[in-house]
Amino acid sequence: MRALPWLPTILGVAALAVFTIVTIVRLTPDHAQTLPPPEPPFALPGTTSGPQAPVSLIPSTDPTMPATPTTDPTSPDPKPTSRAMPAVITPSRATTTEPARPILVSGHYHVLNSYADNFIGEVLLSNRTGAEQHWTVTLTYPGNLRTSWLESLPQPTLVQRGHTFTWTSSVPLAAGSSGRLRFQFDKVNGSETPGDCTVNWSACT
């Protein structure tokens, strides 16, 4: 009868031992419960199953779009680079000199007679070519022209524009011959020298 107080303790220890043994037996490989195989992953139509590529949280860059350079706000502004301007070469213009006109009819001016208020001048025309030549005499003088004539030849035509007088031959001057164009002017300030004298646009001598 004295052993009855320890009966509950003994029963508890026995139950604990039985539970421990049952647990060990269940954890052995022979008695391990076989789990069912995992179901295949669900895939949407048009997609392939298999390991999925990891999703990147960095925005992708379109290879067809140029990359936008990043600017460091702390870096100083880039200094503009100076570009050398190309040298501009201007081609030199070739200066052409007009060939001198051949003197077909030459002229020599001189004074024949001088008076107190007028004078008679002459332009001696000479054709030194082998062919007959027409001629034009231009004379500039500020005085009044009293008269003019061509010695021993048909008279030329005369045109006056201000103080410029132009005589043009009516017939050509024969080859190797000469002619005498004479004129009488009122003097101006005692001068007997014309401002300009040309024969066929060549200066008189």
N, C-alpha and C. Protein backbone atom coordinates (compact mmCIF):
# COMPACT_ATOMS: atom_id res chain seq x y z
N MET A 1 0.82 -1.20 0.00
CA MET A 1 0.00 0.00 0.00
C MET A 1 0.86 1.25 0.00
N ARG A 2 2.11 1.11 0.46
CA ARG A 2 2.97 2.29 0.51
C ARG A 2 3.39 2.71 -0.90
N ALA A 3 3.33 1.78 -1.88
CA ALA A 3 3.77 2.17 -3.23
C ALA A 3 2.73 2.93 -4.00
N LEU A 4 1.57 3.09 -3.59
CA LEU A 4 0.50 3.77 -4.33
C LEU A 4 0.77 5.23 -4.57
N PRO A 5 1.35 5.98 -3.68
CA PRO A 5 1.60 7.39 -3.99
C PRO A 5 2.52 7.57 -5.19
N TRP A 6 3.41 6.69 -5.56
CA TRP A 6 4.33 6.82 -6.68
C TRP A 6 3.76 6.29 -7.97
N LEU A 7 2.55 5.77 -7.91
CA LEU A 7 1.96 5.18 -9.11
C LEU A 7 1.75 6.21 -10.22
N PRO A 8 1.22 7.34 -9.94
CA PRO A 8 1.06 8.32 -11.03
C PRO A 8 2.38 8.72 -11.67
N THR A 9 3.44 8.81 -10.87
CA THR A 9 4.75 9.19 -11.42
C THR A 9 5.26 8.12 -12.35
N ILE A 10 5.11 6.91 -11.95
CA ILE A 10 5.58 5.80 -12.78
C ILE A 10 4.81 5.76 -14.09
N LEU A 11 3.49 5.95 -13.99
CA LEU A 11 2.68 5.92 -15.22
C LEU A 11 3.08 7.06 -16.16
N GLY A 12 3.38 8.23 -15.62
CA GLY A 12 3.77 9.36 -16.46
C GLY A 12 5.09 9.09 -17.15
N VAL A 13 6.03 8.51 -16.42
CA VAL A 13 7.32 8.22 -17.04
C VAL A 13 7.17 7.19 -18.13
N ALA A 14 6.31 6.20 -17.92
CA ALA A 14 6.10 5.17 -18.92
C ALA A 14 5.45 5.76 -20.18
N ALA A 15 4.49 6.62 -19.98
CA ALA A 15 3.84 7.23 -21.15
C ALA A 15 4.81 8.07 -21.95
N LEU A 16 5.71 8.80 -21.24
CA LEU A 16 6.70 9.62 -21.92
C LEU A 16 7.65 8.76 -22.72
N ALA A 17 8.01 7.63 -22.18
CA ALA A 17 8.92 6.72 -22.89
C ALA A 17 8.26 6.16 -24.13
N VAL A 18 6.97 5.78 -23.98
CA VAL A 18 6.27 5.25 -25.15
C VAL A 18 6.17 6.33 -26.26
N PHE A 19 5.90 7.58 -25.91
CA PHE A 19 5.77 8.65 -26.89
C PHE A 19 7.10 8.90 -27.60
N THR A 20 8.18 8.84 -26.84
CA THR A 20 9.51 9.05 -27.42
C THR A 20 9.83 7.95 -28.42
N ILE A 21 9.49 6.69 -28.07
CA ILE A 21 9.78 5.58 -28.97
C ILE A 21 8.97 5.71 -30.25
N VAL A 22 7.70 6.06 -30.11
CA VAL A 22 6.85 6.20 -31.31
C VAL A 22 7.38 7.32 -32.23
N THR A 23 7.84 8.40 -31.63
CA THR A 23 8.37 9.53 -32.43
C THR A 23 9.61 9.13 -33.18
N ILE A 24 10.49 8.38 -32.54
CA ILE A 24 11.74 7.94 -33.20
C ILE A 24 11.42 7.03 -34.36
N VAL A 25 10.44 6.15 -34.14
CA VAL A 25 10.08 5.21 -35.21
C VAL A 25 9.53 5.95 -36.42
N ARG A 26 8.73 6.97 -36.20
CA ARG A 26 8.14 7.73 -37.32
C ARG A 26 9.19 8.52 -38.11
N LEU A 27 10.24 8.94 -37.44
CA LEU A 27 11.26 9.74 -38.11
C LEU A 27 12.26 8.90 -38.87
N THR A 28 12.22 7.62 -38.80
CA THR A 28 13.14 6.79 -39.56
C THR A 28 12.74 6.82 -41.03
N PRO A 29 13.74 6.60 -42.05
CA PRO A 29 13.42 6.69 -43.49
C PRO A 29 12.40 5.68 -43.94
N ASP A 30 12.37 4.52 -43.34
CA ASP A 30 11.43 3.50 -43.78
C ASP A 30 10.01 3.87 -43.51
N HIS A 31 9.82 4.66 -42.52
CA HIS A 31 8.47 5.02 -42.14
C HIS A 31 8.13 6.47 -42.47
N ALA A 32 9.07 7.16 -43.16
CA ALA A 32 8.79 8.58 -43.52
C ALA A 32 7.69 8.65 -44.55
N GLN A 33 6.79 9.55 -44.40
CA GLN A 33 5.67 9.70 -45.30
C GLN A 33 6.14 10.30 -46.62
N THR A 34 5.81 9.64 -47.71
CA THR A 34 6.20 10.13 -49.04
C THR A 34 5.25 11.23 -49.48
N LEU A 35 5.85 12.42 -49.75
CA LEU A 35 5.04 13.57 -50.18
C LEU A 35 4.71 13.44 -51.65
N PRO A 36 3.53 13.89 -52.10
CA PRO A 36 3.17 13.82 -53.53
C PRO A 36 4.05 14.76 -54.34
N PRO A 37 4.32 14.42 -55.63
CA PRO A 37 5.18 15.30 -56.47
C PRO A 37 4.53 16.67 -56.67
N PRO A 38 5.37 17.71 -56.80
CA PRO A 38 4.80 19.08 -56.97
C PRO A 38 4.12 19.20 -58.32
N GLU A 39 3.05 20.00 -58.33
CA GLU A 39 2.32 20.23 -59.56
C GLU A 39 3.13 21.15 -60.48
N PRO A 40 2.99 20.96 -61.82
CA PRO A 40 3.73 21.85 -62.76
C PRO A 40 3.27 23.29 -62.62
N PRO A 41 4.18 24.23 -62.85
CA PRO A 41 3.79 25.65 -62.71
C PRO A 41 2.77 26.03 -63.76
N PHE A 42 1.90 26.96 -63.38
CA PHE A 42 0.86 27.43 -64.28
C PHE A 42 1.47 28.39 -65.29
N ALA A 43 1.18 28.21 -66.57
CA ALA A 43 1.72 29.05 -67.65
C ALA A 43 0.58 29.58 -68.49
N LEU A 44 0.67 30.85 -68.88
CA LEU A 44 -0.33 31.46 -69.74
C LEU A 44 -0.18 30.94 -71.16
N PRO A 45 -1.26 30.99 -71.94
CA PRO A 45 -1.15 30.56 -73.35
C PRO A 45 -0.14 31.42 -74.10
N GLY A 46 0.67 30.80 -74.94
CA GLY A 46 1.67 31.52 -75.73
C GLY A 46 2.98 31.70 -75.01
N THR A 47 3.08 31.20 -73.76
CA THR A 47 4.34 31.32 -73.04
C THR A 47 4.89 29.95 -72.81
N THR A 48 6.17 29.88 -72.58
CA THR A 48 6.83 28.60 -72.34
C THR A 48 7.11 28.45 -70.87
N SER A 49 6.98 27.23 -70.43
CA SER A 49 7.25 26.93 -69.03
C SER A 49 8.74 26.75 -68.84
N GLY A 50 9.16 26.81 -67.64
CA GLY A 50 10.57 26.66 -67.33
C GLY A 50 10.99 27.74 -66.38
N PRO A 51 12.22 27.75 -66.08
CA PRO A 51 12.69 28.79 -65.13
C PRO A 51 12.54 30.17 -65.74
N GLN A 52 11.95 31.03 -64.99
CA GLN A 52 11.70 32.39 -65.45
C GLN A 52 12.93 33.26 -65.25
N ALA A 53 13.12 34.14 -66.23
CA ALA A 53 14.25 35.06 -66.14
C ALA A 53 14.00 36.05 -65.03
N PRO A 54 15.03 36.39 -64.33
CA PRO A 54 14.83 37.35 -63.23
C PRO A 54 14.39 38.69 -63.75
N VAL A 55 13.54 39.32 -63.02
CA VAL A 55 13.00 40.62 -63.39
C VAL A 55 13.94 41.69 -62.88
N SER A 56 14.36 42.58 -63.83
CA SER A 56 15.27 43.66 -63.46
C SER A 56 14.46 44.91 -63.13
N LEU A 57 14.83 45.54 -62.04
CA LEU A 57 14.16 46.79 -61.64
C LEU A 57 14.85 48.01 -62.23
N ILE A 58 15.92 47.81 -63.04
CA ILE A 58 16.61 48.93 -63.69
C ILE A 58 16.00 49.14 -65.05
N PRO A 59 15.58 50.35 -65.41
CA PRO A 59 14.97 50.58 -66.73
C PRO A 59 15.94 50.17 -67.83
N SER A 60 15.40 49.45 -68.81
CA SER A 60 16.22 49.01 -69.93
C SER A 60 16.49 50.16 -70.88
N THR A 61 17.60 50.08 -71.61
CA THR A 61 17.99 51.11 -72.58
C THR A 61 17.75 50.58 -73.98
N ASP A 62 17.01 51.39 -74.78
CA ASP A 62 16.76 50.99 -76.17
C ASP A 62 18.05 51.11 -76.95
N PRO A 63 18.55 50.00 -77.54
CA PRO A 63 19.83 50.10 -78.28
C PRO A 63 19.77 51.04 -79.45
N THR A 64 18.55 51.32 -79.98
CA THR A 64 18.46 52.22 -81.14
C THR A 64 18.47 53.68 -80.73
N MET A 65 18.27 53.97 -79.45
CA MET A 65 18.26 55.34 -78.97
C MET A 65 19.62 55.68 -78.39
N PRO A 66 20.17 56.86 -78.71
CA PRO A 66 21.47 57.22 -78.15
C PRO A 66 21.38 57.43 -76.66
N ALA A 67 22.41 57.04 -76.00
CA ALA A 67 22.42 57.19 -74.56
C ALA A 67 22.56 58.65 -74.19
N THR A 68 21.80 59.06 -73.18
CA THR A 68 21.84 60.45 -72.73
C THR A 68 22.98 60.60 -71.75
N PRO A 69 23.94 61.43 -72.05
CA PRO A 69 25.07 61.57 -71.12
C PRO A 69 24.61 62.19 -69.82
N THR A 70 25.16 61.70 -68.79
CA THR A 70 24.84 62.23 -67.47
C THR A 70 25.80 63.34 -67.14
N THR A 71 25.31 64.34 -66.47
CA THR A 71 26.12 65.49 -66.10
C THR A 71 26.25 65.56 -64.60
N ASP A 72 27.49 65.63 -64.19
CA ASP A 72 27.73 65.74 -62.77
C ASP A 72 27.49 67.18 -62.36
N PRO A 73 26.49 67.42 -61.47
CA PRO A 73 26.20 68.82 -61.10
C PRO A 73 27.36 69.50 -60.40
N THR A 74 28.26 68.71 -59.81
CA THR A 74 29.38 69.32 -59.09
C THR A 74 30.54 69.66 -60.00
N SER A 75 30.54 69.09 -61.25
CA SER A 75 31.66 69.35 -62.16
C SER A 75 31.46 70.70 -62.83
N PRO A 76 32.54 71.44 -63.10
CA PRO A 76 32.40 72.76 -63.77
C PRO A 76 31.92 72.60 -65.19
N ASP A 77 31.30 73.67 -65.70
CA ASP A 77 30.82 73.65 -67.09
C ASP A 77 32.00 73.48 -68.03
N PRO A 78 31.84 72.65 -69.06
CA PRO A 78 32.95 72.48 -70.01
C PRO A 78 33.22 73.76 -70.75
N LYS A 79 34.49 74.07 -70.93
CA LYS A 79 34.88 75.28 -71.64
C LYS A 79 34.77 75.06 -73.13
N PRO A 80 34.24 76.04 -73.84
CA PRO A 80 34.14 75.88 -75.30
C PRO A 80 35.52 75.82 -75.91
N THR A 81 35.65 74.92 -76.84
CA THR A 81 36.92 74.78 -77.54
C THR A 81 36.92 75.67 -78.77
N SER A 82 38.02 76.36 -78.98
CA SER A 82 38.12 77.26 -80.13
C SER A 82 38.45 76.45 -81.36
N ARG A 83 37.75 76.75 -82.43
CA ARG A 83 37.98 76.09 -83.70
C ARG A 83 38.65 77.04 -84.66
N ALA A 84 39.70 76.59 -85.23
CA ALA A 84 40.41 77.44 -86.19
C ALA A 84 39.60 77.56 -87.48
N MET A 85 39.36 78.81 -87.88
CA MET A 85 38.62 79.03 -89.10
C MET A 85 39.51 78.71 -90.30
N PRO A 86 38.94 78.03 -91.31
CA PRO A 86 39.77 77.73 -92.49
C PRO A 86 40.15 78.99 -93.22
N ALA A 87 41.35 79.00 -93.71
CA ALA A 87 41.83 80.18 -94.44
C ALA A 87 41.08 80.31 -95.76
N VAL A 88 40.65 81.53 -96.02
CA VAL A 88 39.94 81.81 -97.27
C VAL A 88 40.93 82.38 -98.26
N ILE A 89 41.10 81.66 -99.33
CA ILE A 89 42.06 82.07 -100.36
C ILE A 89 41.28 82.64 -101.54
N THR A 90 41.49 83.88 -101.79
CA THR A 90 40.82 84.54 -102.91
C THR A 90 41.74 84.51 -104.12
N PRO A 91 41.29 83.84 -105.16
CA PRO A 91 42.17 83.80 -106.34
C PRO A 91 42.36 85.18 -106.93
N SER A 92 43.58 85.46 -107.27
CA SER A 92 43.89 86.76 -107.84
C SER A 92 43.31 86.87 -109.24
N ARG A 93 42.78 88.02 -109.48
CA ARG A 93 42.19 88.26 -110.79
C ARG A 93 43.28 88.66 -111.78
N ALA A 94 43.28 87.96 -112.86
CA ALA A 94 44.28 88.27 -113.88
C ALA A 94 43.90 89.57 -114.58
N THR A 95 44.83 90.48 -114.55
CA THR A 95 44.58 91.77 -115.19
C THR A 95 45.02 91.67 -116.65
N THR A 96 44.07 91.99 -117.47
CA THR A 96 44.35 91.95 -118.90
C THR A 96 44.56 93.37 -119.41
N THR A 97 45.63 93.54 -120.09
CA THR A 97 45.96 94.85 -120.67
C THR A 97 45.52 94.87 -122.12
N GLU A 98 44.66 95.84 -122.42
CA GLU A 98 44.18 95.95 -123.79
C GLU A 98 45.32 96.33 -124.69
N PRO A 99 45.51 95.59 -125.74
CA PRO A 99 46.62 95.92 -126.63
C PRO A 99 46.43 97.31 -127.24
N ALA A 100 47.56 97.96 -127.38
CA ALA A 100 47.51 99.32 -127.94
C ALA A 100 47.00 99.30 -129.38
N ARG A 101 46.14 100.28 -129.65
CA ARG A 101 45.61 100.37 -131.01
C ARG A 101 46.69 100.86 -131.97
N PRO A 102 46.76 100.26 -133.09
CA PRO A 102 47.75 100.76 -134.06
C PRO A 102 47.35 102.14 -134.55
N ILE A 103 48.33 103.02 -134.65
CA ILE A 103 48.07 104.37 -135.13
C ILE A 103 48.06 104.35 -136.65
N LEU A 104 46.85 104.45 -137.19
CA LEU A 104 46.72 104.43 -138.65
C LEU A 104 46.90 105.82 -139.22
N VAL A 105 46.34 106.81 -138.50
CA VAL A 105 46.49 108.21 -138.92
C VAL A 105 46.97 108.99 -137.70
N SER A 106 48.11 109.61 -137.77
CA SER A 106 48.66 110.39 -136.66
C SER A 106 48.34 111.88 -136.87
N GLY A 107 48.45 112.65 -135.75
CA GLY A 107 48.15 114.09 -135.83
C GLY A 107 49.20 114.91 -135.08
N HIS A 108 49.56 116.04 -135.63
CA HIS A 108 50.52 116.95 -135.00
C HIS A 108 49.90 118.33 -134.92
N TYR A 109 49.79 118.90 -133.69
CA TYR A 109 49.16 120.21 -133.49
C TYR A 109 50.24 121.29 -133.40
N HIS A 110 49.95 122.40 -134.07
CA HIS A 110 50.81 123.58 -133.95
C HIS A 110 50.01 124.83 -134.34
N VAL A 111 50.53 125.99 -133.97
CA VAL A 111 49.88 127.27 -134.25
C VAL A 111 50.50 127.87 -135.51
N LEU A 112 49.65 128.22 -136.46
CA LEU A 112 50.14 128.85 -137.70
C LEU A 112 50.29 130.36 -137.55
N ASN A 113 49.24 131.02 -137.04
CA ASN A 113 49.25 132.49 -136.89
C ASN A 113 48.66 132.86 -135.53
N SER A 114 49.26 133.83 -134.89
CA SER A 114 48.78 134.31 -133.60
C SER A 114 48.49 135.80 -133.70
N TYR A 115 47.33 136.21 -133.21
CA TYR A 115 46.92 137.61 -133.23
C TYR A 115 46.59 138.05 -131.80
N ALA A 116 46.18 139.30 -131.68
CA ALA A 116 45.96 139.84 -130.34
C ALA A 116 44.84 139.13 -129.62
N ASP A 117 43.75 138.83 -130.33
CA ASP A 117 42.61 138.23 -129.64
C ASP A 117 42.20 136.88 -130.23
N ASN A 118 42.97 136.37 -131.21
CA ASN A 118 42.63 135.06 -131.78
C ASN A 118 43.88 134.43 -132.35
N PHE A 119 43.73 133.18 -132.80
CA PHE A 119 44.87 132.48 -133.40
C PHE A 119 44.33 131.44 -134.38
N ILE A 120 45.21 131.05 -135.31
CA ILE A 120 44.88 129.99 -136.26
C ILE A 120 45.77 128.79 -135.96
N GLY A 121 45.14 127.69 -135.66
CA GLY A 121 45.87 126.46 -135.36
C GLY A 121 45.68 125.44 -136.46
N GLU A 122 46.50 124.38 -136.42
CA GLU A 122 46.43 123.34 -137.45
C GLU A 122 46.77 121.98 -136.82
N VAL A 123 46.07 120.93 -137.33
CA VAL A 123 46.41 119.54 -137.01
C VAL A 123 46.83 118.91 -138.32
N LEU A 124 48.13 118.52 -138.41
CA LEU A 124 48.66 117.88 -139.60
C LEU A 124 48.38 116.38 -139.52
N LEU A 125 47.56 115.89 -140.46
CA LEU A 125 47.18 114.48 -140.50
C LEU A 125 48.12 113.72 -141.40
N SER A 126 48.60 112.55 -140.96
CA SER A 126 49.52 111.74 -141.77
C SER A 126 49.06 110.29 -141.76
N ASN A 127 48.87 109.75 -142.97
CA ASN A 127 48.52 108.34 -143.14
C ASN A 127 49.77 107.63 -143.63
N ARG A 128 50.44 106.89 -142.73
CA ARG A 128 51.67 106.21 -143.08
C ARG A 128 51.43 104.74 -143.41
N THR A 129 50.17 104.33 -143.55
CA THR A 129 49.86 102.94 -143.87
C THR A 129 49.79 102.76 -145.38
N GLY A 130 49.63 101.52 -145.80
CA GLY A 130 49.53 101.24 -147.22
C GLY A 130 48.12 101.21 -147.73
N ALA A 131 47.16 101.72 -146.95
CA ALA A 131 45.76 101.74 -147.37
C ALA A 131 45.13 103.06 -146.95
N GLU A 132 44.11 103.48 -147.65
CA GLU A 132 43.43 104.72 -147.29
C GLU A 132 42.73 104.54 -145.94
N GLN A 133 42.66 105.63 -145.15
CA GLN A 133 42.12 105.56 -143.79
C GLN A 133 41.19 106.74 -143.52
N HIS A 134 40.10 106.45 -142.82
CA HIS A 134 39.25 107.54 -142.31
C HIS A 134 39.86 108.07 -141.02
N TRP A 135 39.49 109.25 -140.64
CA TRP A 135 40.05 109.87 -139.44
C TRP A 135 38.99 110.69 -138.72
N THR A 136 39.25 110.91 -137.40
CA THR A 136 38.40 111.75 -136.55
C THR A 136 39.31 112.57 -135.66
N VAL A 137 39.15 113.87 -135.69
CA VAL A 137 39.93 114.78 -134.85
C VAL A 137 39.01 115.36 -133.80
N THR A 138 39.45 115.28 -132.52
CA THR A 138 38.69 115.86 -131.40
C THR A 138 39.56 116.90 -130.72
N LEU A 139 39.01 118.10 -130.56
CA LEU A 139 39.76 119.22 -129.97
C LEU A 139 38.89 119.87 -128.90
N THR A 140 39.52 120.19 -127.76
CA THR A 140 38.81 120.86 -126.67
C THR A 140 39.48 122.21 -126.42
N TYR A 141 38.66 123.28 -126.55
CA TYR A 141 39.18 124.62 -126.31
C TYR A 141 38.01 125.49 -125.86
N PRO A 142 38.21 126.34 -124.82
CA PRO A 142 37.08 127.12 -124.29
C PRO A 142 36.69 128.33 -125.15
N GLY A 143 37.52 128.71 -126.12
CA GLY A 143 37.21 129.89 -126.92
C GLY A 143 36.20 129.60 -128.01
N ASN A 144 35.72 130.69 -128.57
CA ASN A 144 34.74 130.60 -129.66
C ASN A 144 35.44 130.21 -130.96
N LEU A 145 34.85 129.22 -131.68
CA LEU A 145 35.40 128.80 -132.97
C LEU A 145 34.83 129.72 -134.06
N ARG A 146 35.71 130.45 -134.72
CA ARG A 146 35.27 131.35 -135.78
C ARG A 146 35.03 130.58 -137.08
N THR A 147 35.98 129.72 -137.48
CA THR A 147 35.86 128.95 -138.72
C THR A 147 36.84 127.79 -138.69
N SER A 148 36.65 126.82 -139.58
CA SER A 148 37.57 125.69 -139.74
C SER A 148 37.48 125.20 -141.18
N TRP A 149 38.53 124.56 -141.70
CA TRP A 149 38.53 124.05 -143.07
C TRP A 149 39.64 123.00 -143.24
N LEU A 150 39.53 122.18 -144.24
CA LEU A 150 40.53 121.17 -144.58
C LEU A 150 41.17 121.59 -145.91
N GLU A 151 42.48 121.82 -145.92
CA GLU A 151 43.17 122.31 -147.11
C GLU A 151 43.17 121.27 -148.22
N SER A 152 42.69 121.69 -149.41
CA SER A 152 42.80 120.95 -150.68
C SER A 152 42.11 119.59 -150.66
N LEU A 153 41.20 119.37 -149.71
CA LEU A 153 40.48 118.08 -149.64
C LEU A 153 39.01 118.34 -149.34
N PRO A 154 38.16 117.36 -149.62
CA PRO A 154 36.74 117.54 -149.28
C PRO A 154 36.58 117.84 -147.79
N GLN A 155 35.66 118.73 -147.47
CA GLN A 155 35.50 119.19 -146.10
C GLN A 155 34.87 118.10 -145.20
N PRO A 156 35.36 118.01 -143.97
CA PRO A 156 34.79 117.04 -143.03
C PRO A 156 33.52 117.58 -142.39
N THR A 157 32.86 116.71 -141.62
CA THR A 157 31.69 117.14 -140.84
C THR A 157 32.16 117.57 -139.46
N LEU A 158 31.47 118.56 -138.88
CA LEU A 158 31.85 119.11 -137.58
C LEU A 158 30.68 118.97 -136.62
N VAL A 159 30.97 118.49 -135.40
CA VAL A 159 29.98 118.40 -134.32
C VAL A 159 30.57 119.08 -133.09
N GLN A 160 29.80 120.02 -132.48
CA GLN A 160 30.25 120.73 -131.30
C GLN A 160 29.38 120.35 -130.10
N ARG A 161 30.04 119.97 -128.99
CA ARG A 161 29.35 119.69 -127.72
C ARG A 161 30.06 120.48 -126.63
N GLY A 162 29.48 121.64 -126.29
CA GLY A 162 30.12 122.51 -125.32
C GLY A 162 31.41 123.06 -125.88
N HIS A 163 32.53 122.79 -125.20
CA HIS A 163 33.83 123.26 -125.67
C HIS A 163 34.61 122.15 -126.40
N THR A 164 33.92 121.07 -126.79
CA THR A 164 34.57 119.98 -127.51
C THR A 164 34.10 119.99 -128.96
N PHE A 165 35.08 119.97 -129.86
CA PHE A 165 34.80 120.02 -131.30
C PHE A 165 35.34 118.74 -131.94
N THR A 166 34.47 118.09 -132.76
CA THR A 166 34.85 116.83 -133.41
C THR A 166 34.67 116.96 -134.92
N TRP A 167 35.78 116.72 -135.65
CA TRP A 167 35.74 116.71 -137.12
C TRP A 167 35.92 115.26 -137.58
N THR A 168 35.06 114.83 -138.52
CA THR A 168 35.13 113.47 -139.05
C THR A 168 35.25 113.54 -140.57
N SER A 169 36.19 112.75 -141.10
CA SER A 169 36.46 112.80 -142.54
C SER A 169 35.24 112.36 -143.34
N SER A 170 35.01 113.03 -144.46
CA SER A 170 33.93 112.63 -145.37
C SER A 170 34.44 111.67 -146.43
N VAL A 171 35.74 111.73 -146.72
CA VAL A 171 36.40 110.77 -147.62
C VAL A 171 37.68 110.31 -146.91
N PRO A 172 38.13 109.08 -147.14
CA PRO A 172 39.34 108.60 -146.46
C PRO A 172 40.59 109.31 -146.98
N LEU A 173 41.59 109.31 -146.11
CA LEU A 173 42.87 109.88 -146.46
C LEU A 173 43.69 108.82 -147.20
N ALA A 174 44.21 109.20 -148.37
CA ALA A 174 44.91 108.24 -149.23
C ALA A 174 46.15 107.70 -148.53
N ALA A 175 46.53 106.46 -148.90
CA ALA A 175 47.71 105.82 -148.31
C ALA A 175 48.96 106.66 -148.56
N GLY A 176 49.77 106.84 -147.49
CA GLY A 176 51.02 107.59 -147.59
C GLY A 176 50.86 109.08 -147.80
N SER A 177 49.63 109.63 -147.66
CA SER A 177 49.42 111.06 -147.89
C SER A 177 49.17 111.77 -146.57
N SER A 178 48.98 113.08 -146.65
CA SER A 178 48.73 113.91 -145.46
C SER A 178 47.64 114.92 -145.76
N GLY A 179 47.08 115.50 -144.70
CA GLY A 179 46.04 116.52 -144.85
C GLY A 179 46.22 117.55 -143.75
N ARG A 180 45.71 118.76 -143.97
CA ARG A 180 45.87 119.86 -143.02
C ARG A 180 44.49 120.37 -142.60
N LEU A 181 44.16 120.07 -141.33
CA LEU A 181 42.91 120.58 -140.75
C LEU A 181 43.25 121.86 -139.99
N ARG A 182 42.59 122.98 -140.38
CA ARG A 182 42.89 124.28 -139.77
C ARG A 182 41.63 124.87 -139.15
N PHE A 183 41.84 125.69 -138.12
CA PHE A 183 40.73 126.28 -137.36
C PHE A 183 41.20 127.60 -136.74
N GLN A 184 40.24 128.53 -136.56
CA GLN A 184 40.52 129.83 -135.97
C GLN A 184 39.65 130.03 -134.74
N PHE A 185 40.32 130.23 -133.58
CA PHE A 185 39.63 130.39 -132.30
C PHE A 185 39.89 131.78 -131.72
N ASP A 186 38.92 132.30 -130.99
CA ASP A 186 39.15 133.48 -130.16
C ASP A 186 39.99 133.05 -128.95
N LYS A 187 40.97 133.85 -128.59
CA LYS A 187 41.82 133.51 -127.46
C LYS A 187 41.06 133.61 -126.14
N VAL A 188 41.44 132.79 -125.21
CA VAL A 188 40.92 132.84 -123.83
C VAL A 188 42.12 132.93 -122.90
N ASN A 189 42.23 134.07 -122.20
CA ASN A 189 43.35 134.29 -121.26
C ASN A 189 44.71 134.18 -121.96
N GLY A 190 44.72 134.54 -123.26
CA GLY A 190 45.96 134.55 -124.00
C GLY A 190 46.49 133.18 -124.35
N SER A 191 45.74 132.09 -124.05
CA SER A 191 46.24 130.73 -124.32
C SER A 191 45.90 130.31 -125.74
N GLU A 192 46.83 129.57 -126.35
CA GLU A 192 46.61 129.02 -127.69
C GLU A 192 46.74 127.49 -127.69
N THR A 193 46.74 126.88 -126.51
CA THR A 193 46.91 125.43 -126.37
C THR A 193 45.57 124.78 -126.02
N PRO A 194 45.12 123.83 -126.80
CA PRO A 194 43.85 123.16 -126.50
C PRO A 194 43.99 122.28 -125.26
N GLY A 195 42.86 122.07 -124.60
CA GLY A 195 42.87 121.19 -123.43
C GLY A 195 43.05 119.74 -123.82
N ASP A 196 42.59 119.36 -125.00
CA ASP A 196 42.70 117.98 -125.46
C ASP A 196 42.76 117.99 -126.97
N CYS A 197 43.58 117.09 -127.52
CA CYS A 197 43.68 116.94 -128.97
C CYS A 197 43.99 115.48 -129.28
N THR A 198 43.09 114.83 -130.03
CA THR A 198 43.30 113.42 -130.40
C THR A 198 42.94 113.24 -131.87
N VAL A 199 43.58 112.22 -132.49
CA VAL A 199 43.26 111.79 -133.84
C VAL A 199 43.02 110.29 -133.77
N ASN A 200 41.78 109.89 -134.09
CA ASN A 200 41.39 108.47 -133.96
C ASN A 200 41.71 107.96 -132.53
N TRP A 201 41.41 108.81 -131.52
CA TRP A 201 41.55 108.47 -130.09
C TRP A 201 42.99 108.28 -129.64
N SER A 202 43.93 108.74 -130.44
CA SER A 202 45.33 108.78 -130.03
C SER A 202 45.76 110.23 -129.91
N ALA A 203 46.52 110.57 -128.86
CA ALA A 203 46.88 111.95 -128.59
C ALA A 203 47.72 112.55 -129.70
N CYS A 204 47.47 113.84 -129.92
CA CYS A 204 48.29 114.57 -130.88
C CYS A 204 49.68 114.79 -130.32
N THR A 205 50.62 114.93 -131.19
CA THR A 205 51.98 115.24 -130.76
C THR A 205 52.22 116.73 -130.80
